[in-house]
C-alpha atoms as a PDB file:
ATOM      1  CA  UNK A   1     -47.817  -5.376  32.505  1.00  0.00           C
ATOM      2  CA  UNK A   2     -45.925  -8.794  33.190  1.00  0.00           C
ATOM      3  CA  UNK A   3     -47.972 -11.684  34.795  1.00  0.00           C
ATOM      4  CA  UNK A   4     -46.030 -13.973  36.815  1.00  0.00           C
ATOM      5  CA  UNK A   5     -47.734 -17.763  37.268  1.00  0.00           C
ATOM      6  CA  UNK A   6     -46.253 -18.430  40.745  1.00  0.00           C
ATOM      7  CA  UNK A   7     -46.347 -21.974  42.421  1.00  0.00           C
ATOM      8  CA  UNK A   8     -45.545 -22.291  45.977  1.00  0.00           C
ATOM      9  CA  UNK A   9     -42.223 -24.205  46.538  1.00  0.00           C
ATOM     10  CA  UNK A  10     -40.870 -23.269  43.035  1.00  0.00           C
ATOM     11  CA  UNK A  11     -38.072 -21.329  41.474  1.00  0.00           C
ATOM     12  CA  UNK A  12     -40.358 -18.246  40.658  1.00  0.00           C
ATOM     13  CA  UNK A  13     -39.215 -16.815  43.659  1.00  0.00           C
ATOM     14  CA  UNK A  14     -35.965 -15.732  41.716  1.00  0.00           C
ATOM     15  CA  UNK A  15     -37.970 -14.092  38.849  1.00  0.00           C
ATOM     16  CA  UNK A  16     -40.146 -12.076  41.580  1.00  0.00           C
ATOM     17  CA  UNK A  17     -36.634 -10.905  43.023  1.00  0.00           C
ATOM     18  CA  UNK A  18     -35.266  -9.769  39.360  1.00  0.00           C
ATOM     19  CA  UNK A  19     -38.542  -7.869  38.662  1.00  0.00           C
ATOM     20  CA  UNK A  20     -38.387  -6.180  41.957  1.00  0.00           C
ATOM     21  CA  UNK A  21     -34.804  -5.320  41.186  1.00  0.00           C
ATOM     22  CA  UNK A  22     -35.620  -3.983  37.871  1.00  0.00           C
ATOM     23  CA  UNK A  23     -38.379  -2.085  39.107  1.00  0.00           C
ATOM     24  CA  UNK A  24     -40.676  -3.551  36.657  1.00  0.00           C
ATOM     25  CA  UNK A  25     -44.761  -3.652  37.254  1.00  0.00           C
ATOM     26  CA  UNK A  26     -45.942  -6.830  37.479  1.00  0.00           C
ATOM     27  CA  UNK A  27     -48.847  -9.022  38.677  1.00  0.00           C
ATOM     28  CA  UNK A  28     -48.509 -12.328  40.465  1.00  0.00           C
ATOM     29  CA  UNK A  29     -50.866 -15.180  40.037  1.00  0.00           C
ATOM     30  CA  UNK A  30     -50.411 -17.563  42.774  1.00  0.00           C
ATOM     31  CA  UNK A  31     -51.134 -21.585  42.551  1.00  0.00           C
ATOM     32  CA  UNK A  32     -50.917 -24.136  45.545  1.00  0.00           C
ATOM     33  CA  UNK A  33     -49.329 -27.530  45.293  1.00  0.00           C
ATOM     34  CA  UNK A  34     -51.653 -30.374  46.276  1.00  0.00           C
ATOM     35  CA  UNK A  35     -50.287 -31.115  49.828  1.00  0.00           C
ATOM     36  CA  UNK A  36     -50.458 -34.694  49.685  1.00  0.00           C
ATOM     37  CA  UNK A  37     -48.709 -35.037  46.257  1.00  0.00           C
ATOM     38  CA  UNK A  38     -47.090 -31.794  45.724  1.00  0.00           C
ATOM     39  CA  UNK A  39     -48.255 -31.684  42.374  1.00  0.00           C
ATOM     40  CA  UNK A  40     -49.005 -28.480  40.634  1.00  0.00           C
ATOM     41  CA  UNK A  41     -52.911 -27.982  40.276  1.00  0.00           C
ATOM     42  CA  UNK A  42     -54.670 -28.370  37.266  1.00  0.00           C
ATOM     43  CA  UNK A  43     -55.254 -24.668  36.611  1.00  0.00           C
ATOM     44  CA  UNK A  44     -51.662 -24.322  36.019  1.00  0.00           C
ATOM     45  CA  UNK A  45     -51.730 -26.515  33.146  1.00  0.00           C
ATOM     46  CA  UNK A  46     -53.970 -24.153  31.509  1.00  0.00           C
ATOM     47  CA  UNK A  47     -50.802 -22.025  31.482  1.00  0.00           C
ATOM     48  CA  UNK A  48     -48.226 -24.589  31.096  1.00  0.00           C
ATOM     49  CA  UNK A  49     -48.768 -28.087  29.445  1.00  0.00           C
ATOM     50  CA  UNK A  50     -46.791 -29.856  32.001  1.00  0.00           C
ATOM     51  CA  UNK A  51     -48.134 -27.508  34.896  1.00  0.00           C
ATOM     52  CA  UNK A  52     -44.577 -25.943  35.718  1.00  0.00           C
ATOM     53  CA  UNK A  53     -43.583 -22.883  37.345  1.00  0.00           C
ATOM     54  CA  UNK A  54     -42.703 -20.294  36.925  1.00  0.00           C
ATOM     55  CA  UNK A  55     -44.226 -19.008  33.624  1.00  0.00           C
ATOM     56  CA  UNK A  56     -44.603 -15.220  32.629  1.00  0.00           C
ATOM     57  CA  UNK A  57     -46.614 -13.560  30.100  1.00  0.00           C
ATOM     58  CA  UNK A  58     -45.290 -10.302  28.818  1.00  0.00           C
ATOM     59  CA  UNK A  59     -47.841  -9.033  26.193  1.00  0.00           C
ATOM     60  CA  UNK A  60     -47.989 -11.701  23.266  1.00  0.00           C
ATOM     61  CA  UNK A  61     -44.721 -13.329  24.563  1.00  0.00           C
ATOM     62  CA  UNK A  62     -45.063 -16.373  27.084  1.00  0.00           C
ATOM     63  CA  UNK A  63     -41.789 -17.881  28.665  1.00  0.00           C
ATOM     64  CA  UNK A  64     -41.546 -20.759  30.833  1.00  0.00           C
ATOM     65  CA  UNK A  65     -38.496 -22.021  32.844  1.00  0.00           C
ATOM     66  CA  UNK A  66     -36.548 -19.528  35.323  1.00  0.00           C
ATOM     67  CA  UNK A  67     -33.291 -19.221  33.298  1.00  0.00           C
ATOM     68  CA  UNK A  68     -35.148 -18.572  30.364  1.00  0.00           C
ATOM     69  CA  UNK A  69     -37.203 -15.895  31.911  1.00  0.00           C
ATOM     70  CA  UNK A  70     -33.940 -14.334  33.813  1.00  0.00           C
ATOM     71  CA  UNK A  71     -32.625 -13.860  30.152  1.00  0.00           C
ATOM     72  CA  UNK A  72     -35.742 -12.711  28.666  1.00  0.00           C
ATOM     73  CA  UNK A  73     -36.081 -10.406  31.301  1.00  0.00           C
ATOM     74  CA  UNK A  74     -32.406  -9.101  31.359  1.00  0.00           C
ATOM     75  CA  UNK A  75     -32.224  -8.758  27.463  1.00  0.00           C
ATOM     76  CA  UNK A  76     -35.392  -6.870  27.395  1.00  0.00           C
ATOM     77  CA  UNK A  77     -35.482  -4.551  30.299  1.00  0.00           C
ATOM     78  CA  UNK A  78     -31.945  -4.285  31.852  1.00  0.00           C
ATOM     79  CA  UNK A  79     -30.655  -0.881  31.055  1.00  0.00           C
ATOM     80  CA  UNK A  80     -27.430  -1.185  32.994  1.00  0.00           C
END
């Protein structure tokens, strides 16, 4: 199952939309920005060294950045 590391107020919303459109099963791990600094929490740095979102994990494959994720998902899963 694809795991989406989702940070509030980030570009990961478009990845969630695409997963829905493709009808793929996925799990969302949610992170909240610090309300004062708007920075990602330290827990996200365990997934991405810069604490960036979105990041997906698909089996052994980890992909960051929404554009790269969209290309990956379409190349691997789009049947149309």
